[in-house]
Protein backbone atom coordinates (compact mmCIF):
# COMPACT_ATOMS: atom_id res chain seq x y z
CA MET A 1 64.73 9.17 25.75
CA THR A 2 63.49 7.90 29.05
CA LYS A 3 61.91 4.49 29.43
CA GLY A 4 58.58 6.15 30.45
CA LYS A 5 58.38 8.27 27.29
CA LYS A 6 59.11 5.22 25.14
CA SER A 7 56.25 3.36 26.81
CA LEU A 8 53.83 6.22 26.17
CA ILE A 9 54.85 6.40 22.49
CA ILE A 10 54.33 2.65 22.07
CA ILE A 11 50.88 2.84 23.70
CA ALA A 12 49.92 5.79 21.49
CA ILE A 13 50.96 3.90 18.35
CA ILE A 14 48.96 0.84 19.43
CA LEU A 15 45.86 2.97 19.98
CA ALA A 16 46.33 4.89 16.73
CA ILE A 17 46.49 1.79 14.51
CA PRO A 18 42.79 0.74 14.91
CA MET A 19 41.67 4.37 14.61
CA VAL A 20 43.53 4.77 11.32
CA ALA A 21 42.10 1.44 10.12
CA MET A 22 38.55 2.58 10.93
CA CYS A 23 39.05 5.81 9.01
CA VAL A 24 40.41 3.96 5.99
CA ALA A 25 37.48 1.52 6.11
CA TRP A 26 34.95 4.38 6.31
CA LEU A 27 36.57 6.11 3.31
CA CYS A 28 36.45 2.85 1.33
CA ILE A 29 32.74 2.43 2.11
CA TYR A 30 31.98 6.06 1.30
CA PHE A 31 33.77 6.11 -2.09
CA PHE A 32 33.58 2.53 -3.31
CA ALA A 33 30.45 0.91 -1.77
CA PRO A 34 27.36 0.16 -3.95
CA ASP A 35 24.87 3.02 -4.41
CA LYS A 36 22.38 1.53 -1.95
CA MET A 37 24.87 2.03 0.88
CA VAL A 38 25.37 5.74 0.19
CA PHE A 39 23.86 7.81 2.96
CA ASN A 40 20.51 8.64 1.35
CA THR A 41 17.91 10.44 3.45
CA TYR A 42 14.53 9.49 2.00
CA ASN A 43 11.69 10.30 4.40
CA VAL A 44 9.67 7.17 5.10
CA GLY A 45 7.78 8.58 8.06
CA THR A 46 5.47 11.22 6.59
CA LEU A 47 3.44 12.20 3.54
CA THR A 48 3.06 15.75 2.25
CA THR A 49 0.54 16.93 -0.34
CA ALA A 50 1.84 18.40 -3.57
CA ASP A 51 1.07 21.98 -2.45
CA GLY A 52 2.74 21.39 0.93
CA SER A 53 -0.40 22.27 2.88
CA ILE A 54 -0.89 18.90 4.62
CA THR A 55 1.69 16.61 6.21
CA LYS A 56 0.70 13.35 7.86
CA ASN A 57 2.53 10.42 9.39
CA ILE A 58 2.16 7.35 7.18
CA ILE A 59 1.33 5.26 10.26
CA GLU A 60 -0.06 6.50 13.59
CA VAL A 61 -0.55 4.34 16.68
CA HIS A 62 -2.71 5.23 19.67
CA TYR A 63 -2.90 2.93 22.70
CA ASN A 64 -5.07 3.17 25.83
CA ALA A 65 -3.54 0.82 28.39
CA ASN A 66 -6.50 0.88 30.81
CA ALA A 67 -4.00 0.30 33.63
CA ASN A 68 -6.56 1.03 36.37
CA HIS A 69 -9.56 -0.56 34.65
CA ASP A 70 -11.19 2.85 34.41
CA GLY A 71 -12.17 2.40 30.77
CA LEU A 72 -11.50 0.05 27.87
CA GLU A 73 -8.14 -1.19 26.62
CA MET A 74 -7.83 0.03 23.04
CA LEU A 75 -5.21 -0.15 20.28
CA GLU A 76 -5.69 2.00 17.18
CA ILE A 77 -3.58 1.96 14.02
CA LYS A 78 -4.16 4.65 11.43
CA PHE A 79 -2.73 4.41 7.91
CA ASN A 80 -2.46 7.55 5.78
CA ASP A 81 -1.91 7.47 2.02
CA TYR A 82 -2.53 9.64 -1.03
CA VAL A 83 -6.05 9.66 -2.44
CA ASP A 84 -4.52 9.37 -5.91
CA GLU A 85 -1.22 9.84 -7.73
CA THR A 86 -1.69 13.62 -8.05
CA GLN A 87 -0.88 13.86 -4.32
CA GLN A 88 -3.48 16.59 -3.82
CA ASN A 89 -5.09 15.02 -0.76
CA ILE A 90 -4.52 12.34 1.86
CA TYR A 91 -6.92 9.50 2.61
CA SER A 92 -6.98 7.71 5.95
CA GLN A 93 -7.93 4.17 6.89
CA GLY A 94 -7.63 2.59 10.26
CA LEU A 95 -8.08 -0.36 12.54
CA GLN A 96 -9.38 -0.25 16.08
CA PHE A 97 -8.94 -3.17 18.47
CA VAL A 98 -10.99 -2.45 21.58
CA ALA A 99 -11.92 -4.54 24.62
CA ASN A 100 -15.57 -5.31 25.27
CA SER A 101 -15.52 -4.44 28.97
CA ARG A 102 -13.35 -2.82 31.61
CA TYR A 103 -11.88 -6.16 32.62
CA ASP A 104 -11.39 -7.67 29.18
CA THR A 105 -7.96 -7.36 27.56
CA LEU A 106 -6.56 -7.45 24.05
CA SER A 107 -4.98 -10.73 23.04
CA PHE A 108 -3.62 -11.83 19.65
CA GLU A 109 -3.12 -15.59 19.45
CA PHE A 110 -1.53 -17.68 16.71
CA MET A 111 -4.21 -19.79 15.04
CA LEU A 112 -3.54 -22.62 12.61
CA ASP A 113 -4.93 -22.19 9.11
CA ASP A 114 -7.35 -25.03 8.42
CA GLU A 115 -6.74 -24.66 4.68
CA PHE A 116 -3.20 -25.96 5.03
CA GLU A 117 -2.35 -29.29 6.60
CA ARG A 118 0.85 -29.74 8.54
CA GLN A 119 3.57 -30.66 6.06
CA GLU A 120 6.42 -33.01 6.88
CA ILE A 121 9.67 -31.68 5.41
CA SER A 122 12.24 -34.08 6.87
CA SER A 123 12.55 -37.15 9.09
CA GLU A 124 15.70 -38.72 10.49
CA ARG A 125 16.23 -41.75 12.71
CA ASN A 126 19.32 -41.84 14.91
CA PHE A 127 19.71 -44.93 17.13
CA LEU A 128 16.66 -44.87 19.42
CA ARG A 129 15.49 -41.41 18.43
CA THR A 130 13.44 -40.23 15.49
CA THR A 131 13.38 -36.52 14.65
CA THR A 132 10.71 -35.18 12.34
CA GLU A 133 10.39 -31.58 11.19
CA TYR A 134 7.09 -30.04 10.03
CA ASN A 135 5.86 -26.77 8.57
CA GLN A 136 2.54 -25.34 9.70
CA LEU A 137 0.86 -22.19 8.37
CA GLY A 138 -1.37 -19.86 10.35
CA THR A 139 -1.93 -16.28 11.39
CA TYR A 140 -2.59 -14.14 14.46
CA ILE A 141 -6.24 -13.60 15.39
CA LEU A 142 -7.80 -11.16 17.88
CA GLN A 143 -9.30 -13.28 20.64
CA ASP A 144 -12.71 -13.15 22.31
CA GLY A 145 -13.23 -10.28 24.71
CA ALA A 146 -12.34 -7.63 22.14
CA THR A 147 -13.65 -6.40 18.80
CA LYS A 148 -11.97 -5.15 15.63
CA TYR A 149 -13.35 -2.23 13.59
CA ASN A 150 -12.36 -0.70 10.24
CA TYR A 151 -12.63 3.06 9.67
CA GLN A 152 -12.06 5.38 6.72
CA SER A 153 -12.09 9.14 6.16
CA PHE A 154 -11.23 11.81 3.64
CA ASN A 155 -11.02 14.60 6.22
CA ASP A 156 -8.85 13.26 9.03
CA PHE A 157 -11.81 11.63 10.78
CA GLU A 158 -13.72 14.82 11.43
CA THR A 159 -16.51 12.64 10.12
CA THR A 160 -16.01 8.92 10.30
CA SER A 161 -17.70 5.99 8.69
CA GLY A 162 -17.24 2.27 8.86
CA ALA A 163 -14.95 1.31 6.01
CA SER A 164 -16.67 0.46 2.73
CA TYR A 165 -13.60 -1.52 1.75
CA GLU A 166 -12.03 -3.15 4.77
CA LEU A 167 -8.28 -3.34 5.06
CA ASN A 168 -7.12 -6.77 3.94
CA TYR A 169 -4.16 -8.57 2.41
CA ASP A 170 -4.72 -6.86 -0.95
CA SER A 171 -5.01 -3.29 0.37
CA LYS A 172 -2.40 -0.99 -1.17
CA LEU A 173 -1.39 2.34 0.37
CA ARG A 174 0.08 5.07 -1.85
CA ILE A 175 3.22 6.67 -0.42
CA GLN A 176 6.16 8.72 -1.69
CA ILE A 177 9.81 7.72 -1.37
CA GLY A 178 12.29 10.20 -2.77
CA GLU A 179 10.60 11.65 -5.86
CA ASP A 180 8.65 8.50 -6.76
CA ILE A 181 5.22 7.15 -5.83
CA TYR A 182 4.94 3.58 -4.53
CA ALA A 183 2.05 1.42 -3.42
CA MET A 184 2.94 -0.56 -0.31
CA LYS A 185 1.04 -3.73 0.53
CA PHE A 186 1.45 -6.33 3.25
CA LYS A 187 3.02 -9.47 1.87
CA GLY A 188 -0.04 -11.39 3.01
CA LYS A 189 -0.66 -15.08 2.52
CA ASN A 190 1.75 -15.37 -0.37
CA THR A 191 4.81 -14.78 1.79
CA PRO A 192 4.62 -16.48 5.20
CA THR A 193 8.22 -15.68 6.09
CA THR A 194 8.25 -15.24 9.85
CA SER A 195 8.41 -18.46 11.85
CA ASN A 196 7.82 -19.34 15.47
CA ASN A 197 9.65 -22.52 16.40
CA PHE A 198 8.52 -25.00 19.02
CA GLU A 199 9.77 -28.44 20.01
CA ILE A 200 7.31 -31.10 21.09
CA LYS A 201 8.85 -34.16 22.74
CA THR A 202 6.84 -37.33 23.01
CA THR A 203 7.51 -41.02 23.63
CA SER A 204 5.84 -43.63 21.42
CA THR A 205 6.44 -47.32 20.71
CA GLY A 206 9.60 -47.32 22.77
CA LEU A 207 11.34 -44.72 20.62
CA PHE A 208 12.16 -41.19 21.66
CA GLN A 209 10.30 -38.99 19.20
CA ARG A 210 11.23 -35.33 18.75
CA ASP A 211 8.93 -33.20 16.61
CA ILE A 212 10.12 -29.79 15.47
CA VAL A 213 7.28 -27.66 14.16
CA ASN A 214 7.87 -24.41 12.29
CA TYR A 215 4.83 -22.20 12.67
CA TYR A 216 4.79 -19.70 9.79
CA SER A 217 2.65 -16.59 10.14
CA TYR A 218 1.17 -14.51 7.33
CA TYR A 219 2.17 -10.87 6.96
CA GLY A 220 -1.09 -8.93 7.25
CA PHE A 221 -2.82 -6.19 9.21
CA ASP A 222 -3.67 -8.39 12.19
CA TYR A 223 -0.11 -9.72 12.35
CA PHE A 224 1.14 -6.12 12.20
CA ALA A 225 -1.28 -5.18 15.00
CA LYS A 226 0.10 -8.01 17.15
CA LEU A 227 3.67 -6.75 16.60
CA ILE A 228 2.63 -3.18 17.38
CA TYR A 229 0.77 -4.33 20.51
CA ASP A 230 3.83 -6.22 21.77
CA ALA A 231 5.99 -3.16 21.09
CA VAL A 232 3.84 -0.53 22.82
CA LYS A 233 2.79 -2.55 25.89
CA PRO A 234 6.12 -2.04 27.73
CA MET A 235 6.50 1.61 26.69
CA ALA A 236 6.11 4.43 29.19
CA TYR A 237 2.71 6.02 29.78
CA GLY A 238 2.55 9.50 28.33
CA THR A 239 4.69 8.58 25.33
CA ASN A 240 4.00 10.93 22.41
CA GLN A 241 6.78 10.60 19.87
CA THR A 242 7.88 9.06 16.60
CA CYS A 243 9.46 5.63 16.98
CA VAL A 244 11.50 3.75 14.37
CA TRP A 245 10.84 0.00 14.21
CA LYS A 246 11.89 -2.74 11.85
CA PHE A 247 8.49 -3.22 10.25
CA GLY A 248 9.19 -2.06 6.72
CA ASP A 249 10.09 -5.53 5.50
CA LEU A 250 6.50 -6.70 6.14
CA PHE A 251 5.46 -4.91 2.94
CA ASP A 252 5.89 -5.33 -0.78
CA TYR A 253 6.45 -2.12 -2.76
CA TYR A 254 5.12 -1.43 -6.27
CA LYS A 255 6.56 1.51 -8.21
CA TYR A 256 4.26 3.89 -10.10
CA ASN A 257 5.54 4.26 -13.65
CA GLY A 258 3.45 7.25 -14.70
CA SER A 259 0.25 5.46 -15.69
CA THR A 260 0.01 2.35 -13.51
CA TYR A 261 1.91 0.41 -10.88
CA ASP A 262 4.47 -2.20 -11.90
CA GLU A 263 2.97 -5.67 -11.86
CA ASN A 264 5.79 -7.12 -9.79
CA ALA A 265 7.00 -5.80 -6.45
CA ILE A 266 10.44 -4.23 -6.45
CA SER A 267 13.22 -6.18 -4.79
CA GLN A 268 15.74 -4.91 -2.28
CA VAL A 269 18.58 -5.64 -4.68
CA GLU A 270 17.01 -4.22 -7.85
CA SER A 271 15.79 -0.94 -6.38
CA SER A 272 17.99 2.13 -6.46
CA LYS A 273 15.35 4.37 -4.90
CA VAL A 274 13.84 2.23 -2.14
CA ILE A 275 17.03 1.83 -0.20
CA GLU A 276 17.77 -0.77 2.44
CA GLU A 277 16.60 1.46 5.28
CA VAL A 278 13.18 1.82 3.67
CA LEU A 279 12.70 -1.90 3.27
CA ASN A 280 13.58 -2.58 6.88
CA TYR A 281 12.58 0.37 9.06
CA TYR A 282 9.55 2.58 9.52
CA ALA A 283 8.96 5.77 11.50
CA ILE A 284 5.62 5.51 13.32
CA LYS A 285 3.89 8.19 15.40
CA VAL A 286 3.05 6.64 18.79
CA THR A 287 0.82 7.94 21.60
CA ILE A 288 0.33 5.91 24.79
CA GLU A 289 -2.15 6.71 27.55
CA GLU A 290 -2.36 5.06 30.96
CA SER A 291 -6.13 5.47 31.16
CA GLY A 292 -8.69 3.41 29.35
CA ALA A 293 -10.98 4.69 26.61
CA LYS A 294 -14.13 6.17 28.19
CA SER A 295 -15.76 7.98 25.28
CA ALA A 296 -15.52 8.49 21.54
CA ASP A 297 -13.32 11.54 22.23
CA ASP A 298 -10.55 9.19 23.38
CA SER A 299 -10.24 7.71 19.89
CA ILE A 300 -8.15 9.09 17.02
CA PHE A 301 -11.08 8.03 14.84
CA GLY A 302 -13.71 9.81 16.93
CA CYS A 303 -15.44 6.45 17.38
CA VAL A 304 -15.38 3.62 19.88
CA HIS A 305 -17.15 0.39 19.00
CA ASN A 306 -18.20 2.08 15.75
CA SER A 307 -20.15 4.78 17.58
CA THR A 308 -19.46 8.53 17.60
CA THR A 309 -21.58 8.84 20.77
CA PHE A 310 -19.89 6.07 22.74
CA VAL A 311 -19.79 6.74 26.48
CA LEU A 312 -18.73 4.41 29.26
CA ASP A 313 -21.57 3.51 31.58
CA GLN A 314 -19.88 4.10 34.92
CA THR A 315 -22.86 2.68 36.83
CA ALA A 316 -22.58 -0.79 35.29
CA THR A 317 -21.45 -3.37 37.82
CA ASN A 318 -22.30 -6.62 36.03
CA ASP A 319 -19.12 -7.61 34.22
CA ASP A 320 -21.07 -10.07 32.08
CA LEU A 321 -22.51 -7.06 30.28
CA PHE A 322 -20.75 -4.65 27.99
CA VAL A 323 -19.97 -1.72 30.29
CA GLY A 324 -19.24 0.72 27.52
CA ARG A 325 -22.39 1.54 25.58
CA SER A 326 -23.17 3.55 22.49
CA ARG A 327 -26.01 6.02 23.05
CA ILE A 328 -28.85 5.80 20.57
CA ASP A 329 -31.11 8.86 20.42
CA VAL A 330 -34.74 7.73 20.04
CA GLY A 331 -37.47 10.13 18.93
CA LEU A 332 -41.14 9.92 18.05
CA SER A 333 -40.35 8.53 14.58
CA ALA A 334 -39.11 5.30 16.15
CA PHE A 335 -42.57 4.53 17.59
CA GLU A 336 -45.71 3.03 16.15
CA LEU A 337 -48.93 4.88 17.14
CA ILE A 338 -51.49 2.48 18.67
CA PRO A 339 -55.11 3.88 18.75
CA VAL A 340 -56.64 3.80 22.24
CA LEU A 341 -59.70 6.10 22.39
CA ASP A 342 -60.79 8.83 19.97
CA ASN A 343 -57.51 10.42 18.89
CA ASN A 344 -55.53 9.21 21.91
CA VAL A 345 -52.58 6.95 21.04
CA ALA A 346 -50.15 4.73 22.92
CA LEU A 347 -46.56 4.37 21.72
CA LYS A 348 -44.81 1.13 20.84
CA LEU A 349 -41.33 0.76 19.33
CA LYS A 350 -41.57 -0.17 15.66
CA ASP A 351 -40.64 -3.75 14.83
CA SER A 352 -38.07 -2.42 12.35
CA PHE A 353 -36.31 -0.53 15.16
CA VAL A 354 -36.33 -3.53 17.49
CA ASN A 355 -35.06 -5.86 14.74
CA GLN A 356 -32.29 -3.44 13.80
CA TYR A 357 -30.89 -2.85 17.28
CA LYS A 358 -31.80 -5.95 19.27
CA PRO A 359 -28.65 -7.86 18.14
CA TYR A 360 -26.63 -5.08 19.84
CA ALA A 361 -28.80 -4.77 22.94
CA ASN A 362 -25.86 -5.39 25.28
CA LYS A 363 -23.79 -2.66 23.58
CA ILE A 364 -26.21 0.24 23.40
CA ILE A 365 -28.25 2.46 25.70
CA LEU A 366 -31.41 4.25 24.52
CA ASP A 367 -32.04 7.93 25.24
CA VAL A 368 -35.78 8.32 24.52
CA ARG A 369 -37.29 11.79 24.08
CA ILE A 370 -40.96 11.97 23.00
CA ASP A 371 -41.98 15.34 21.57
CA LEU A 372 -45.67 15.80 22.50
CA ASP A 373 -45.90 19.03 20.47
CA GLU A 374 -44.90 17.09 17.38
CA LEU A 375 -47.51 14.45 18.21
CA LYS A 376 -50.22 17.15 18.51
CA LYS A 377 -49.30 18.51 15.08
CA LEU A 378 -50.15 15.05 13.75
CA GLY A 379 -53.58 15.32 15.42
CA TYR A 380 -52.97 12.91 18.29
CA ILE A 381 -52.91 13.05 22.08
CA TYR A 382 -50.30 11.10 24.05
CA PHE A 383 -51.98 8.41 26.15
CA GLY A 384 -48.86 6.62 27.35
CA LEU A 385 -46.66 3.70 26.44
CA ALA A 386 -48.31 0.55 25.15
CA ASN A 387 -48.19 -2.49 27.42
CA ASP A 388 -45.88 -4.13 24.92
CA HIS A 389 -43.85 -0.98 24.28
CA GLY A 390 -40.68 -2.78 23.10
CA LEU A 391 -38.31 -0.85 25.36
CA ASP A 392 -37.92 -3.88 27.60
CA ASN A 393 -35.58 -5.29 24.96
CA PHE A 394 -33.01 -2.59 25.77
CA ILE A 395 -31.32 -0.67 28.54
CA THR A 396 -32.59 2.91 28.63
CA LYS A 397 -30.86 5.99 29.97
CA SER A 398 -34.21 7.71 30.37
CA VAL A 399 -37.62 8.09 28.76
CA VAL A 400 -38.80 11.70 28.74
CA THR A 401 -41.79 13.53 27.25
CA ILE A 402 -41.27 17.10 26.07
CA GLU A 403 -44.05 19.68 25.59
CA THR A 404 -44.51 23.42 25.60
CA ILE A 405 -46.71 24.77 28.43
CA ASP A 406 -47.28 28.53 28.79
CA GLY A 407 -44.28 29.20 26.57
CA HIS A 408 -41.95 27.01 28.62
CA THR A 409 -40.50 23.64 27.69
CA VAL A 410 -41.48 21.03 30.26
CA GLU A 411 -39.78 17.64 30.47
CA THR A 412 -41.45 14.78 32.32
CA GLU A 413 -39.79 11.46 33.02
CA VAL A 414 -41.81 8.39 32.05
CA LYS A 415 -41.61 5.34 34.29
CA LEU A 416 -41.42 2.02 32.47
């Protein structure tokens, strides 16, 4: 045998040894590992109704980046879960975080919880240096310049309402894993398990003082929104796909036992159904748009700033004002009839209308349409707007009278 062939055989043997070892190791894992390491394939990304007619992603994320300041920056997170344990229908709840103007941005900042004082957990003096370690609790809060809204719907937001029961630490979402029903809930204030560590170095009384502060954050919807926001910001515009992220361990899971949910959350060790992948990873449907939100149609909830008629006021130039406004349709019923002469009346906005909408004057625009035919049916003649007509409290798109003349509808703009 030549020296070259011997060398090739030796090299082949050296390369084969680790490959054989890997195969042996894989076989050992496959046949002898605990059940939770067997390659289960439970779907933790979607829900399907019992009759198979509806399938929804458990979590959907929609983000408008507003890269060119042509609209509003907006992050939406939609949670889908079963209406009840029969799995006949799917209920949706969601959170919308939306900027207040074209030039405002979303920002989630860590805020200390005033209910908990900073706790010293250790202190050590070493020559001329003292090191003290503290724990501090808090959470992430949406900052000024943006607003948070809760939504809910039984029909995939074809009609949307502000949530009667806002999503909070105690909100449980019904999902299916394998053949079993579970309620998943953010760990909330009871489990502040993620820390952000900072070192603060100061000099006092001649000693070198080093303070190490562990900032623990609650697991909740706002914290989840902050993680989602950080994850989608660097993603490519036009993204429309399902992404798998390590968010599953933010939740506790409660198994449904046929009549109620277990009082205690299942643990990762005790569970044979909720396998390790479920407790650590989640498949989330993500859509990212470069443009900003300009109307309610841009929202997966069909609402922006809690309005189904939201439209961006492209003519607004004063950045101190809210440039995206919800249109409020105003008819004759919103006005008080002020007698002038005989059966002539002037119109003034009712105090109830002004009191209801004045707190939102910088977020709405009135579209006023006065039906003179309707006024005539009541036995009155339109004289005009009262001197104190109340419209000065708001921004108006237009004020128009409508009447039928010779069979034709005539619209006349009213100058304020």
